Amino acid sequence: MSFLQVENIKKSFGKTEVLKNISFSLEKGEVLAIIGSSGSGKTTLLRCLNFLETPQEGRIIVNGNVLFDGNDESKRSESAIRKNRLHFGLVFQNFNLFPQYKVIENLTLAPTLKAKEQIRKNGSYKGLSSMKQANQLITEEAEMLLKKVGLYEKRDFYPCNLSGGQQQRVAIARALALEPDILCFDEPTSALDPELTGEVLNVIRGLKSSDSTMIVVTHEIGFAHDVADKIIFMDDGYIEEEGTPQQVIDNPNSERTKEFLARFNQFGD
């Protein structure tokens, strides 16, 4: 069984079908890149996987656990959704950092809330029984993540004092702080100037070498080709083509995929 299985996901807004029977799988440690024109359903798919939107139909299974089943109302409860979100980390286009908190606080806020809840319910967090011990561990782990993305020296800065590329690297570290099974990126460089794009893409490349399982929605076709193990090309709510980068980008079968890539090669996207 694959680490992530997405089965027959359908999502509509009113009468508009946005996702039409989406199915794919991903093995642990693989990187999936999702490409396609604006409006093809890429971001909606990512939001469904992160439980920010609720599909009308389909199933989402992680490591053998059914997190969502359109036919099971118990999977739609608010408590179930909050729990299921912990399996996924999402890095947004526009960073979405908390402006009132320092960099280090942006990373420690959610893990601290998680630790409080676990100590209250189970008596311990990662084997620690007191919040003082938990807070020390959470801070140490956050500092390690900041070192990983090259921003330890900015730990006490506020987001407004960082460049866009630095803010996005903090956002990546924040997503990693909750130790998600699958890390998702929604066009992580689209809000950045071209000279800042490279630093964010390099961080994502580094995560691939650490065996992270990732889904990246991107318009950076060259990056997708170099980093992804699998490529999905979406068009009008469908998966038009799926395969390795060599199959989908270098030798596409679908005429629609060929048209998209030709337009990208001619004008960029």
C-alpha atoms as a PDB file:
ATOM      1  CA  MET A   1       0.000   0.000   0.000  1.00  0.00           C
ATOM      2  CA  SER A   2       1.278   3.475  -0.907  1.00  0.00           C
ATOM      3  CA  PHE A   3       2.093   5.992   1.828  1.00  0.00           C
ATOM      4  CA  LEU A   4      -0.492   8.435   0.434  1.00  0.00           C
ATOM      5  CA  GLN A   5      -3.528   7.305  -1.516  1.00  0.00           C
ATOM      6  CA  VAL A   6      -5.980   9.786  -2.979  1.00  0.00           C
ATOM      7  CA  GLU A   7      -9.054   8.100  -4.415  1.00  0.00           C
ATOM      8  CA  ASN A   8     -11.767   9.623  -6.591  1.00  0.00           C
ATOM      9  CA  ILE A   9     -11.767  13.091  -5.027  1.00  0.00           C
ATOM     10  CA  LYS A  10     -14.559  15.345  -6.282  1.00  0.00           C
ATOM     11  CA  LYS A  11     -15.056  18.960  -5.239  1.00  0.00           C
ATOM     12  CA  SER A  12     -17.603  21.487  -6.433  1.00  0.00           C
ATOM     13  CA  PHE A  13     -18.366  25.055  -5.469  1.00  0.00           C
ATOM     14  CA  GLY A  14     -22.050  25.468  -6.149  1.00  0.00           C
ATOM     15  CA  LYS A  15     -22.635  24.101  -9.637  1.00  0.00           C
ATOM     16  CA  THR A  16     -18.999  24.503 -10.656  1.00  0.00           C
ATOM     17  CA  GLU A  17     -17.004  21.257 -10.647  1.00  0.00           C
ATOM     18  CA  VAL A  18     -13.418  22.054  -9.689  1.00  0.00           C
ATOM     19  CA  LEU A  19     -12.022  18.562  -9.035  1.00  0.00           C
ATOM     20  CA  LYS A  20     -13.342  15.716 -11.147  1.00  0.00           C
ATOM     21  CA  ASN A  21     -12.501  12.242  -9.868  1.00  0.00           C
ATOM     22  CA  ILE A  22      -8.876  12.841  -8.835  1.00  0.00           C
ATOM     23  CA  SER A  23      -6.841   9.737  -7.920  1.00  0.00           C
ATOM     24  CA  PHE A  24      -3.106   9.253  -7.386  1.00  0.00           C
ATOM     25  CA  SER A  25      -0.644   7.686  -4.951  1.00  0.00           C
ATOM     26  CA  LEU A  26       2.712   8.633  -3.447  1.00  0.00           C
ATOM     27  CA  GLU A  27       5.374   6.576  -1.723  1.00  0.00           C
ATOM     28  CA  LYS A  28       7.141   7.710   1.445  1.00  0.00           C
ATOM     29  CA  GLY A  29      10.062  10.009   0.633  1.00  0.00           C
ATOM     30  CA  GLU A  30       8.827  10.808  -2.886  1.00  0.00           C
ATOM     31  CA  VAL A  31       8.293  14.290  -4.278  1.00  0.00           C
ATOM     32  CA  LEU A  32       5.230  14.950  -6.419  1.00  0.00           C
ATOM     33  CA  ALA A  33       5.037  18.113  -8.516  1.00  0.00           C
ATOM     34  CA  ILE A  34       1.648  19.282  -9.765  1.00  0.00           C
ATOM     35  CA  ILE A  35       1.687  21.565 -12.787  1.00  0.00           C
ATOM     36  CA  GLY A  36      -1.009  23.113 -14.940  1.00  0.00           C
ATOM     37  CA  SER A  37      -2.608  26.387 -15.946  1.00  0.00           C
ATOM     38  CA  SER A  38      -4.276  28.698 -13.441  1.00  0.00           C
ATOM     39  CA  GLY A  39      -7.794  27.479 -12.694  1.00  0.00           C
ATOM     40  CA  SER A  40      -7.000  23.828 -13.375  1.00  0.00           C
ATOM     41  CA  GLY A  41      -7.747  22.786  -9.765  1.00  0.00           C
ATOM     42  CA  LYS A  42      -4.204  22.487  -8.371  1.00  0.00           C
ATOM     43  CA  THR A  43      -4.662  24.704  -5.316  1.00  0.00           C
ATOM     44  CA  THR A  44      -8.111  23.308  -4.538  1.00  0.00           C
ATOM     45  CA  LEU A  45      -6.646  19.805  -4.548  1.00  0.00           C
ATOM     46  CA  LEU A  46      -3.929  20.887  -2.122  1.00  0.00           C
ATOM     47  CA  ARG A  47      -6.509  22.546   0.143  1.00  0.00           C
ATOM     48  CA  CYS A  48      -8.598  19.359   0.154  1.00  0.00           C
ATOM     49  CA  LEU A  49      -5.551  17.318   1.146  1.00  0.00           C
ATOM     50  CA  ASN A  50      -4.879  19.747   3.998  1.00  0.00           C
ATOM     51  CA  PHE A  51      -8.536  19.721   5.111  1.00  0.00           C
ATOM     52  CA  LEU A  52      -9.018  23.412   4.370  1.00  0.00           C
ATOM     53  CA  GLU A  53     -11.750  22.366   1.934  1.00  0.00           C
ATOM     54  CA  THR A  54     -14.025  19.346   2.194  1.00  0.00           C
ATOM     55  CA  PRO A  55     -14.551  17.204  -0.921  1.00  0.00           C
ATOM     56  CA  GLN A  56     -18.029  15.940  -1.742  1.00  0.00           C
ATOM     57  CA  GLU A  57     -16.696  12.483  -2.596  1.00  0.00           C
ATOM     58  CA  GLY A  58     -13.549  10.360  -2.366  1.00  0.00           C
ATOM     59  CA  ARG A  59     -11.042   9.066   0.149  1.00  0.00           C
ATOM     60  CA  ILE A  60      -7.694  10.250   1.535  1.00  0.00           C
ATOM     61  CA  ILE A  61      -5.503   7.570   3.128  1.00  0.00           C
ATOM     62  CA  VAL A  62      -2.128   8.176   4.821  1.00  0.00           C
ATOM     63  CA  ASN A  63       0.050   5.254   5.907  1.00  0.00           C
ATOM     64  CA  GLY A  64      -2.945   2.927   5.869  1.00  0.00           C
ATOM     65  CA  ASN A  65      -5.192   5.241   7.931  1.00  0.00           C
ATOM     66  CA  VAL A  66      -8.365   6.513   6.259  1.00  0.00           C
ATOM     67  CA  LEU A  67      -8.366  10.232   7.095  1.00  0.00           C
ATOM     68  CA  PHE A  68     -11.311  11.152   4.900  1.00  0.00           C
ATOM     69  CA  ASP A  69     -14.151   9.178   3.385  1.00  0.00           C
ATOM     70  CA  GLY A  70     -16.945  11.021   1.662  1.00  0.00           C
ATOM     71  CA  ASN A  71     -19.354   8.281   2.720  1.00  0.00           C
ATOM     72  CA  ASP A  72     -18.401   8.408   6.424  1.00  0.00           C
ATOM     73  CA  GLU A  73     -19.876  11.360   8.320  1.00  0.00           C
ATOM     74  CA  SER A  74     -17.592  10.720  11.320  1.00  0.00           C
ATOM     75  CA  LYS A  75     -14.635  11.717   9.111  1.00  0.00           C
ATOM     76  CA  ARG A  76     -16.232  15.148   8.582  1.00  0.00           C
ATOM     77  CA  SER A  77     -16.434  16.218  12.245  1.00  0.00           C
ATOM     78  CA  GLU A  78     -14.466  19.277  13.326  1.00  0.00           C
ATOM     79  CA  SER A  79     -12.410  17.257  15.819  1.00  0.00           C
ATOM     80  CA  ALA A  80     -11.510  14.689  13.149  1.00  0.00           C
ATOM     81  CA  ILE A  81     -10.528  17.431  10.711  1.00  0.00           C
ATOM     82  CA  ARG A  82      -8.289  19.166  13.284  1.00  0.00           C
ATOM     83  CA  LYS A  83      -6.556  15.865  14.015  1.00  0.00           C
ATOM     84  CA  ASN A  84      -6.156  14.984  10.337  1.00  0.00           C
ATOM     85  CA  ARG A  85      -4.577  18.333   9.497  1.00  0.00           C
ATOM     86  CA  LEU A  86      -1.570  17.329  11.594  1.00  0.00           C
ATOM     87  CA  HIS A  87      -0.646  14.759   8.939  1.00  0.00           C
ATOM     88  CA  PHE A  88      -0.040  17.536   6.401  1.00  0.00           C
ATOM     89  CA  GLY A  89       1.991  20.729   6.507  1.00  0.00           C
ATOM     90  CA  LEU A  90       1.146  23.527   4.073  1.00  0.00           C
ATOM     91  CA  VAL A  91       3.386  26.347   2.890  1.00  0.00           C
ATOM     92  CA  PHE A  92       1.260  29.101   1.338  1.00  0.00           C
ATOM     93  CA  GLN A  93       2.029  31.395  -1.576  1.00  0.00           C
ATOM     94  CA  ASN A  94       2.094  34.507   0.608  1.00  0.00           C
ATOM     95  CA  PHE A  95       3.914  33.093   3.663  1.00  0.00           C
ATOM     96  CA  ASN A  96       1.034  33.748   6.146  1.00  0.00           C
ATOM     97  CA  LEU A  97       3.419  34.318   9.039  1.00  0.00           C
ATOM     98  CA  PHE A  98       2.039  35.893  12.208  1.00  0.00           C
ATOM     99  CA  PRO A  99       3.322  39.496  11.989  1.00  0.00           C
ATOM    100  CA  GLN A 100       2.996  40.142  15.737  1.00  0.00           C
ATOM    101  CA  TYR A 101       5.338  37.261  16.630  1.00  0.00           C
ATOM    102  CA  LYS A 102       9.079  36.923  16.243  1.00  0.00           C
ATOM    103  CA  VAL A 103      10.480  34.287  13.896  1.00  0.00           C
ATOM    104  CA  ILE A 104      11.168  31.815  16.701  1.00  0.00           C
ATOM    105  CA  GLU A 105       7.649  32.351  18.089  1.00  0.00           C
ATOM    106  CA  ASN A 106       6.128  31.644  14.681  1.00  0.00           C
ATOM    107  CA  LEU A 107       7.788  28.229  14.824  1.00  0.00           C
ATOM    108  CA  THR A 108       7.000  27.374  18.445  1.00  0.00           C
ATOM    109  CA  LEU A 109       3.376  28.543  18.717  1.00  0.00           C
ATOM    110  CA  ALA A 110       1.612  25.533  17.164  1.00  0.00           C
ATOM    111  CA  PRO A 111       3.876  22.869  18.744  1.00  0.00           C
ATOM    112  CA  THR A 112       3.331  24.524  22.140  1.00  0.00           C
ATOM    113  CA  LEU A 113      -0.438  24.310  21.748  1.00  0.00           C
ATOM    114  CA  LYS A 114      -0.070  20.697  20.641  1.00  0.00           C
ATOM    115  CA  ALA A 115       2.111  19.903  23.662  1.00  0.00           C
ATOM    116  CA  LYS A 116      -0.371  21.479  26.088  1.00  0.00           C
ATOM    117  CA  GLU A 117      -3.185  19.426  24.611  1.00  0.00           C
ATOM    118  CA  GLN A 118      -1.225  16.170  24.745  1.00  0.00           C
ATOM    119  CA  ILE A 119      -0.062  16.727  28.328  1.00  0.00           C
ATOM    120  CA  ARG A 120      -3.618  17.557  29.351  1.00  0.00           C
ATOM    121  CA  LYS A 121      -5.056  14.454  27.653  1.00  0.00           C
ATOM    122  CA  ASN A 122      -2.259  11.909  27.927  1.00  0.00           C
ATOM    123  CA  GLY A 123       0.061  13.232  30.634  1.00  0.00           C
ATOM    124  CA  SER A 124       3.085  13.623  28.360  1.00  0.00           C
ATOM    125  CA  TYR A 125       4.473  15.141  25.152  1.00  0.00           C
ATOM    126  CA  LYS A 126       7.292  13.198  23.527  1.00  0.00           C
ATOM    127  CA  GLY A 127       7.868  11.507  26.868  1.00  0.00           C
ATOM    128  CA  LEU A 128       7.968  14.801  28.787  1.00  0.00           C
ATOM    129  CA  SER A 129       5.436  15.401  31.557  1.00  0.00           C
ATOM    130  CA  SER A 130       5.857  19.143  32.201  1.00  0.00           C
ATOM    131  CA  MET A 131       5.329  22.139  29.934  1.00  0.00           C
ATOM    132  CA  LYS A 132       8.646  23.606  31.097  1.00  0.00           C
ATOM    133  CA  GLN A 133      10.477  20.602  29.668  1.00  0.00           C
ATOM    134  CA  ALA A 134       8.271  20.581  26.565  1.00  0.00           C
ATOM    135  CA  ASN A 135       8.888  24.284  25.893  1.00  0.00           C
ATOM    136  CA  GLN A 136      12.645  23.767  26.112  1.00  0.00           C
ATOM    137  CA  LEU A 137      12.492  20.883  23.628  1.00  0.00           C
ATOM    138  CA  ILE A 138      10.183  22.793  21.278  1.00  0.00           C
ATOM    139  CA  THR A 139      12.531  25.790  21.267  1.00  0.00           C
ATOM    140  CA  GLU A 140      15.562  23.602  20.604  1.00  0.00           C
ATOM    141  CA  GLU A 141      13.803  21.873  17.710  1.00  0.00           C
ATOM    142  CA  ALA A 142      12.698  25.229  16.272  1.00  0.00           C
ATOM    143  CA  GLU A 143      16.269  26.532  16.418  1.00  0.00           C
ATOM    144  CA  MET A 144      17.487  23.416  14.586  1.00  0.00           C
ATOM    145  CA  LEU A 145      14.913  24.032  11.845  1.00  0.00           C
ATOM    146  CA  LEU A 146      16.009  27.649  11.503  1.00  0.00           C
ATOM    147  CA  LYS A 147      19.573  26.441  11.074  1.00  0.00           C
ATOM    148  CA  LYS A 148      18.322  23.991   8.443  1.00  0.00           C
ATOM    149  CA  VAL A 149      16.813  26.820   6.364  1.00  0.00           C
ATOM    150  CA  GLY A 150      19.762  29.135   7.056  1.00  0.00           C
ATOM    151  CA  LEU A 151      17.982  31.661   9.270  1.00  0.00           C
ATOM    152  CA  TYR A 152      19.090  30.974  12.828  1.00  0.00           C
ATOM    153  CA  GLU A 153      20.524  34.467  13.121  1.00  0.00           C
ATOM    154  CA  LYS A 154      17.054  35.901  12.381  1.00  0.00           C
ATOM    155  CA  ARG A 155      15.342  34.023  15.256  1.00  0.00           C
ATOM    156  CA  ASP A 156      14.421  37.232  17.135  1.00  0.00           C
ATOM    157  CA  PHE A 157      13.407  39.265  14.082  1.00  0.00           C
ATOM    158  CA  TYR A 158       9.825  40.072  13.175  1.00  0.00           C
ATOM    159  CA  PRO A 159       8.541  39.004   9.719  1.00  0.00           C
ATOM    160  CA  CYS A 160       8.394  42.627   8.533  1.00  0.00           C
ATOM    161  CA  ASN A 161      12.179  42.814   8.913  1.00  0.00           C
ATOM    162  CA  LEU A 162      12.776  39.888   6.553  1.00  0.00           C
ATOM    163  CA  SER A 163      12.902  39.679   2.770  1.00  0.00           C
ATOM    164  CA  GLY A 164      10.200  37.723   0.957  1.00  0.00           C
ATOM    165  CA  GLY A 165      12.558  34.810   0.429  1.00  0.00           C
ATOM    166  CA  GLN A 166      13.480  34.770   4.105  1.00  0.00           C
ATOM    167  CA  GLN A 167       9.823  34.880   5.121  1.00  0.00           C
ATOM    168  CA  GLN A 168       9.071  31.895   2.905  1.00  0.00           C
ATOM    169  CA  ARG A 169      11.971  29.966   4.385  1.00  0.00           C
ATOM    170  CA  VAL A 170      10.567  30.691   7.861  1.00  0.00           C
ATOM    171  CA  ALA A 171       7.182  29.464   6.628  1.00  0.00           C
ATOM    172  CA  ILE A 172       8.797  26.207   5.486  1.00  0.00           C
ATOM    173  CA  ALA A 173      10.475  25.777   8.881  1.00  0.00           C
ATOM    174  CA  ARG A 174       7.159  26.498  10.617  1.00  0.00           C
ATOM    175  CA  ALA A 175       5.404  23.805   8.584  1.00  0.00           C
ATOM    176  CA  LEU A 176       8.173  21.336   9.452  1.00  0.00           C
ATOM    177  CA  ALA A 177       7.878  22.148  13.173  1.00  0.00           C
ATOM    178  CA  LEU A 178       4.711  20.071  13.477  1.00  0.00           C
ATOM    179  CA  GLU A 179       6.510  17.089  11.908  1.00  0.00           C
ATOM    180  CA  PRO A 180       3.894  16.400   9.222  1.00  0.00           C
ATOM    181  CA  ASP A 181       3.841  13.143   7.283  1.00  0.00           C
ATOM    182  CA  ILE A 182       3.544  15.085   4.035  1.00  0.00           C
ATOM    183  CA  LEU A 183       4.742  18.628   3.359  1.00  0.00           C
ATOM    184  CA  CYS A 184       2.768  20.592   0.756  1.00  0.00           C
ATOM    185  CA  PHE A 185       3.765  23.740  -1.108  1.00  0.00           C
ATOM    186  CA  ASP A 186       1.269  25.937  -2.932  1.00  0.00           C
ATOM    187  CA  GLU A 187       3.327  27.775  -5.565  1.00  0.00           C
ATOM    188  CA  PRO A 188       5.933  28.720  -2.942  1.00  0.00           C
ATOM    189  CA  THR A 189       7.837  31.135  -5.194  1.00  0.00           C
ATOM    190  CA  SER A 190       4.935  32.904  -6.937  1.00  0.00           C
ATOM    191  CA  ALA A 191       5.030  35.905  -4.570  1.00  0.00           C
ATOM    192  CA  LEU A 192       8.808  36.313  -4.819  1.00  0.00           C
ATOM    193  CA  ASP A 193      11.017  38.386  -7.052  1.00  0.00           C
ATOM    194  CA  PRO A 194      13.088  36.225  -9.439  1.00  0.00           C
ATOM    195  CA  GLU A 195      16.316  36.819  -7.503  1.00  0.00           C
ATOM    196  CA  LEU A 196      14.699  35.459  -4.306  1.00  0.00           C
ATOM    197  CA  THR A 197      13.166  32.394  -5.938  1.00  0.00           C
ATOM    198  CA  GLY A 198      16.409  30.419  -5.997  1.00  0.00           C
ATOM    199  CA  GLU A 199      16.972  30.519  -2.239  1.00  0.00           C
ATOM    200  CA  VAL A 200      13.530  29.021  -1.555  1.00  0.00           C
ATOM    201  CA  LEU A 201      13.896  26.346  -4.233  1.00  0.00           C
ATOM    202  CA  ASN A 202      17.277  25.400  -2.786  1.00  0.00           C
ATOM    203  CA  VAL A 203      15.685  24.818   0.626  1.00  0.00           C
ATOM    204  CA  ILE A 204      13.086  22.530  -0.951  1.00  0.00           C
ATOM    205  CA  ARG A 205      15.853  20.669  -2.812  1.00  0.00           C
ATOM    206  CA  GLY A 206      17.595  20.167   0.525  1.00  0.00           C
ATOM    207  CA  LEU A 207      14.433  18.708   2.047  1.00  0.00           C
ATOM    208  CA  LYS A 208      14.294  16.102  -0.714  1.00  0.00           C
ATOM    209  CA  SER A 209      17.680  14.800   0.352  1.00  0.00           C
ATOM    210  CA  SER A 210      16.362  14.409   3.925  1.00  0.00           C
ATOM    211  CA  ASP A 211      13.723  11.910   2.752  1.00  0.00           C
ATOM    212  CA  SER A 212      10.729  14.203   3.221  1.00  0.00           C
ATOM    213  CA  THR A 213       7.520  13.294   1.405  1.00  0.00           C
ATOM    214  CA  MET A 214       6.380  16.394  -0.487  1.00  0.00           C
ATOM    215  CA  ILE A 215       3.719  17.682  -2.862  1.00  0.00           C
ATOM    216  CA  VAL A 216       4.669  20.866  -4.714  1.00  0.00           C
ATOM    217  CA  VAL A 217       2.241  22.890  -6.804  1.00  0.00           C
ATOM    218  CA  THR A 218       4.531  24.962  -8.998  1.00  0.00           C
ATOM    219  CA  HIS A 219       4.971  26.910 -12.210  1.00  0.00           C
ATOM    220  CA  GLU A 220       8.731  26.305 -12.056  1.00  0.00           C
ATOM    221  CA  ILE A 221       8.859  23.584 -14.707  1.00  0.00           C
ATOM    222  CA  GLY A 222      12.646  23.220 -14.628  1.00  0.00           C
ATOM    223  CA  PHE A 223      12.583  22.823 -10.852  1.00  0.00           C
ATOM    224  CA  ALA A 224       9.795  20.248 -11.095  1.00  0.00           C
ATOM    225  CA  HIS A 225      11.788  18.295 -13.664  1.00  0.00           C
ATOM    226  CA  ASP A 226      14.933  18.258 -11.514  1.00  0.00           C
ATOM    227  CA  VAL A 227      13.420  17.537  -8.086  1.00  0.00           C
ATOM    228  CA  ALA A 228      10.173  15.585  -8.533  1.00  0.00           C
ATOM    229  CA  ASP A 229       9.906  11.817  -8.664  1.00  0.00           C
ATOM    230  CA  LYS A 230       6.424  12.134 -10.179  1.00  0.00           C
ATOM    231  CA  ILE A 231       4.655  14.832 -12.175  1.00  0.00           C
ATOM    232  CA  ILE A 232       0.912  15.394 -12.473  1.00  0.00           C
ATOM    233  CA  PHE A 233      -0.389  17.738 -15.147  1.00  0.00           C
ATOM    234  CA  MET A 234      -3.883  18.991 -14.302  1.00  0.00           C
ATOM    235  CA  ASP A 235      -6.319  20.529 -16.731  1.00  0.00           C
ATOM    236  CA  ASP A 236      -9.925  21.588 -16.091  1.00  0.00           C
ATOM    237  CA  GLY A 237     -10.192  19.630 -12.849  1.00  0.00           C
ATOM    238  CA  TYR A 238      -8.799  16.380 -14.256  1.00  0.00           C
ATOM    239  CA  ILE A 239      -5.426  14.676 -14.133  1.00  0.00           C
ATOM    240  CA  GLU A 240      -4.594  14.927 -17.797  1.00  0.00           C
ATOM    241  CA  GLU A 241      -1.228  13.183 -17.551  1.00  0.00           C
ATOM    242  CA  GLU A 242       0.861  11.539 -14.832  1.00  0.00           C
ATOM    243  CA  GLY A 243       4.301   9.985 -14.781  1.00  0.00           C
ATOM    244  CA  THR A 244       7.987  10.647 -14.230  1.00  0.00           C
ATOM    245  CA  PRO A 245       9.478  14.026 -15.245  1.00  0.00           C
ATOM    246  CA  GLN A 246      10.992  12.306 -18.251  1.00  0.00           C
ATOM    247  CA  GLN A 247       7.576  11.031 -19.307  1.00  0.00           C
ATOM    248  CA  VAL A 248       5.411  14.083 -18.642  1.00  0.00           C
ATOM    249  CA  ILE A 249       7.811  16.945 -19.382  1.00  0.00           C
ATOM    250  CA  ASP A 250      10.282  15.453 -21.847  1.00  0.00           C
ATOM    251  CA  ASN A 251       7.942  13.104 -23.732  1.00  0.00           C
ATOM    252  CA  PRO A 252       4.294  13.999 -23.042  1.00  0.00           C
ATOM    253  CA  ASN A 253       1.551  11.906 -24.639  1.00  0.00           C
ATOM    254  CA  SER A 254      -1.373  14.273 -24.190  1.00  0.00           C
ATOM    255  CA  GLU A 255      -1.866  17.029 -26.727  1.00  0.00           C
ATOM    256  CA  ARG A 256      -3.061  19.305 -23.921  1.00  0.00           C
ATOM    257  CA  THR A 257       0.170  18.694 -21.987  1.00  0.00           C
ATOM    258  CA  LYS A 258       2.183  19.414 -25.121  1.00  0.00           C
ATOM    259  CA  GLU A 259       0.304  22.697 -25.636  1.00  0.00           C
ATOM    260  CA  PHE A 260       0.886  23.767 -22.027  1.00  0.00           C
ATOM    261  CA  LEU A 261       4.605  23.002 -22.128  1.00  0.00           C
ATOM    262  CA  ALA A 262       5.020  24.686 -25.518  1.00  0.00           C
ATOM    263  CA  ARG A 263       3.379  27.819 -24.149  1.00  0.00           C
ATOM    264  CA  PHE A 264       5.611  27.682 -21.076  1.00  0.00           C
ATOM    265  CA  ASN A 265       8.737  27.242 -23.194  1.00  0.00           C
ATOM    266  CA  GLN A 266       7.764  30.130 -25.436  1.00  0.00           C
ATOM    267  CA  PHE A 267       6.483  32.662 -22.934  1.00  0.00           C
ATOM    268  CA  GLY A 268       6.983  31.229 -19.460  1.00  0.00           C
ATOM    269  CA  ASP A 269       3.905  30.779 -17.253  1.00  0.00           C
END
